[in-house]
């Protein structure tokens, strides 16, 4: 075996020269999109939720806020359903929580009337929930929001 060379040798006809530049380019692009995806902003909330902690310096504009506490489900500080024993007490149709769906549809129409169409972050729901909230409780809320035209989510965190 010869030493040092990266190219194919006479001894190993199946040796392949690996170009790392495209691999590094792809990894840098993935890293960039992950960093942009974790953008957050500082928002105050007076409640009994214990939010997760993270570090970020980006700012976003919050237009639609959904708060899930131990007692109620709110959309922009308007109560849409009660929460009893960790379950949302409201009429449902499959995974769709009807009062939440109606309120989010109303907000979507108001946003489109105000801006004359879809603007940046018009389809984003800013979700406040206790960090111990099970996904089985969050899933119907997220599915309902997506059905109402809000397919993108940002989770509230505590900034360090």
Protein backbone atom coordinates (compact mmCIF):
# COMPACT_ATOMS: atom_id res chain seq x y z
CA UNK A 1 0.00 0.00 0.00
CA UNK A 2 1.33 3.45 -0.85
CA UNK A 3 1.16 6.20 1.72
CA UNK A 4 -0.36 9.68 1.71
CA UNK A 5 -2.24 10.01 -1.56
CA UNK A 6 -5.99 10.53 -1.77
CA UNK A 7 -6.35 9.35 -5.34
CA UNK A 8 -6.88 5.78 -6.58
CA UNK A 9 -3.86 3.54 -6.41
CA UNK A 10 -2.73 0.63 -8.51
CA UNK A 11 -3.19 -1.68 -5.53
CA UNK A 12 -6.84 -0.71 -4.85
CA UNK A 13 -8.84 -0.24 -8.09
CA UNK A 14 -12.06 0.51 -6.11
CA UNK A 15 -10.72 3.48 -4.14
CA UNK A 16 -12.89 6.58 -4.59
CA UNK A 17 -11.74 10.14 -4.21
CA UNK A 18 -14.19 11.97 -1.90
CA UNK A 19 -14.79 15.69 -2.46
CA UNK A 20 -15.78 17.24 0.92
CA UNK A 21 -16.63 20.75 -0.35
CA UNK A 22 -20.24 19.94 -1.44
CA UNK A 23 -20.83 18.05 1.82
CA UNK A 24 -19.67 21.04 3.88
CA UNK A 25 -21.84 23.39 1.77
CA UNK A 26 -24.94 21.27 2.43
CA UNK A 27 -24.22 21.05 6.16
CA UNK A 28 -23.74 24.84 6.36
CA UNK A 29 -27.09 25.39 4.62
CA UNK A 30 -28.84 23.02 7.01
CA UNK A 31 -27.25 24.77 9.98
CA UNK A 32 -28.33 28.18 8.66
CA UNK A 33 -31.99 27.10 8.26
CA UNK A 34 -32.04 25.51 11.71
CA UNK A 35 -30.71 28.69 13.29
CA UNK A 36 -33.25 30.87 11.46
CA UNK A 37 -36.04 28.46 12.44
CA UNK A 38 -35.36 28.99 16.14
CA UNK A 39 -36.05 32.73 16.08
CA UNK A 40 -37.88 34.09 19.10
CA UNK A 41 -38.94 37.35 20.69
CA UNK A 42 -39.50 38.64 24.20
CA UNK A 43 -43.13 38.58 25.32
CA UNK A 44 -44.53 39.07 28.78
CA UNK A 45 -47.11 36.69 30.17
CA UNK A 46 -48.70 36.99 33.59
CA UNK A 47 -49.83 33.50 34.42
CA UNK A 48 -49.03 30.25 36.13
CA UNK A 49 -47.18 28.60 33.24
CA UNK A 50 -43.63 27.29 33.62
CA UNK A 51 -42.04 27.80 30.18
CA UNK A 52 -38.90 26.14 28.77
CA UNK A 53 -35.66 28.15 28.73
CA UNK A 54 -33.56 29.00 25.64
CA UNK A 55 -31.13 31.58 24.26
CA UNK A 56 -31.87 33.64 21.14
CA UNK A 57 -31.52 37.22 19.97
CA UNK A 58 -33.91 37.33 16.99
CA UNK A 59 -37.24 39.17 17.11
CA UNK A 60 -40.56 38.23 15.52
CA UNK A 61 -43.91 39.96 15.40
CA UNK A 62 -46.68 38.15 17.28
CA UNK A 63 -50.11 38.46 15.73
CA UNK A 64 -51.86 35.30 16.95
CA UNK A 65 -51.26 33.98 20.46
CA UNK A 66 -52.74 30.72 21.81
CA UNK A 67 -52.38 30.09 25.56
CA UNK A 68 -53.04 26.68 27.08
CA UNK A 69 -53.10 26.80 30.89
CA UNK A 70 -54.35 24.30 33.45
CA UNK A 71 -57.79 25.96 33.46
CA UNK A 72 -58.45 27.36 29.98
CA UNK A 73 -57.53 27.70 26.32
CA UNK A 74 -57.25 31.31 25.09
CA UNK A 75 -56.70 32.95 21.72
CA UNK A 76 -55.31 36.50 21.98
CA UNK A 77 -56.52 36.71 25.61
CA UNK A 78 -60.08 35.58 24.72
CA UNK A 79 -61.19 32.33 26.34
CA UNK A 80 -62.39 29.74 23.81
CA UNK A 81 -62.53 26.60 25.98
CA UNK A 82 -62.11 25.25 29.49
CA UNK A 83 -59.46 22.70 30.40
CA UNK A 84 -60.54 19.99 32.83
CA UNK A 85 -58.06 17.42 34.17
CA UNK A 86 -55.61 18.05 31.31
CA UNK A 87 -58.23 17.70 28.57
CA UNK A 88 -59.86 20.46 26.55
CA UNK A 89 -63.57 20.66 27.36
CA UNK A 90 -65.08 21.82 24.06
CA UNK A 91 -67.04 20.36 21.14
CA UNK A 92 -64.79 18.53 18.71
CA UNK A 93 -65.09 17.15 15.20
CA UNK A 94 -62.33 14.56 14.82
CA UNK A 95 -59.18 16.41 15.90
CA UNK A 96 -60.76 19.83 15.24
CA UNK A 97 -61.63 21.83 18.38
CA UNK A 98 -64.63 23.77 17.06
CA UNK A 99 -64.51 26.98 19.20
CA UNK A 100 -60.76 27.27 18.58
CA UNK A 101 -61.26 26.70 14.85
CA UNK A 102 -63.98 29.38 14.66
CA UNK A 103 -61.89 31.95 16.58
CA UNK A 104 -58.78 31.31 14.48
CA UNK A 105 -60.81 31.54 11.25
CA UNK A 106 -62.18 34.88 12.44
CA UNK A 107 -58.65 36.12 13.24
CA UNK A 108 -57.35 34.92 9.86
CA UNK A 109 -60.06 36.91 8.06
CA UNK A 110 -59.32 40.00 10.18
CA UNK A 111 -55.59 39.74 9.46
CA UNK A 112 -56.19 39.43 5.72
CA UNK A 113 -58.57 42.42 5.76
CA UNK A 114 -56.05 44.54 7.68
CA UNK A 115 -53.10 43.69 5.46
CA UNK A 116 -54.86 43.14 2.15
CA UNK A 117 -53.54 39.60 1.81
CA UNK A 118 -51.07 37.27 3.45
CA UNK A 119 -48.11 39.03 5.08
CA UNK A 120 -45.06 37.71 6.91
CA UNK A 121 -46.02 35.77 10.05
CA UNK A 122 -49.78 35.97 9.28
CA UNK A 123 -49.89 32.17 9.35
CA UNK A 124 -47.90 31.74 12.57
CA UNK A 125 -49.42 30.80 15.93
CA UNK A 126 -47.39 31.71 19.00
CA UNK A 127 -48.15 28.88 21.45
CA UNK A 128 -47.85 29.32 25.22
CA UNK A 129 -48.05 26.07 27.20
CA UNK A 130 -46.55 24.67 30.37
CA UNK A 131 -43.34 22.81 29.56
CA UNK A 132 -44.82 19.63 31.07
CA UNK A 133 -47.92 19.68 28.84
CA UNK A 134 -48.23 16.33 27.06
CA UNK A 135 -48.15 16.28 23.28
CA UNK A 136 -51.52 14.48 23.25
CA UNK A 137 -53.03 17.73 24.58
CA UNK A 138 -51.06 20.00 22.21
CA UNK A 139 -51.63 17.92 19.07
CA UNK A 140 -55.36 18.72 18.58
CA UNK A 141 -54.62 22.43 19.14
CA UNK A 142 -51.88 22.39 16.50
CA UNK A 143 -54.02 20.40 14.05
CA UNK A 144 -56.97 22.75 14.55
CA UNK A 145 -54.75 25.78 13.98
CA UNK A 146 -53.38 24.23 10.78
CA UNK A 147 -56.94 23.54 9.55
CA UNK A 148 -57.82 27.18 10.23
CA UNK A 149 -54.92 28.44 8.08
CA UNK A 150 -52.15 28.69 10.70
CA UNK A 151 -49.76 25.86 9.80
CA UNK A 152 -46.67 27.41 11.44
CA UNK A 153 -45.95 27.48 15.17
CA UNK A 154 -43.59 29.18 17.56
CA UNK A 155 -43.42 27.91 21.12
CA UNK A 156 -43.01 30.42 23.94
CA UNK A 157 -39.81 30.07 25.94
CA UNK A 158 -38.05 31.91 28.74
CA UNK A 159 -34.98 33.74 27.41
CA UNK A 160 -31.75 33.40 29.38
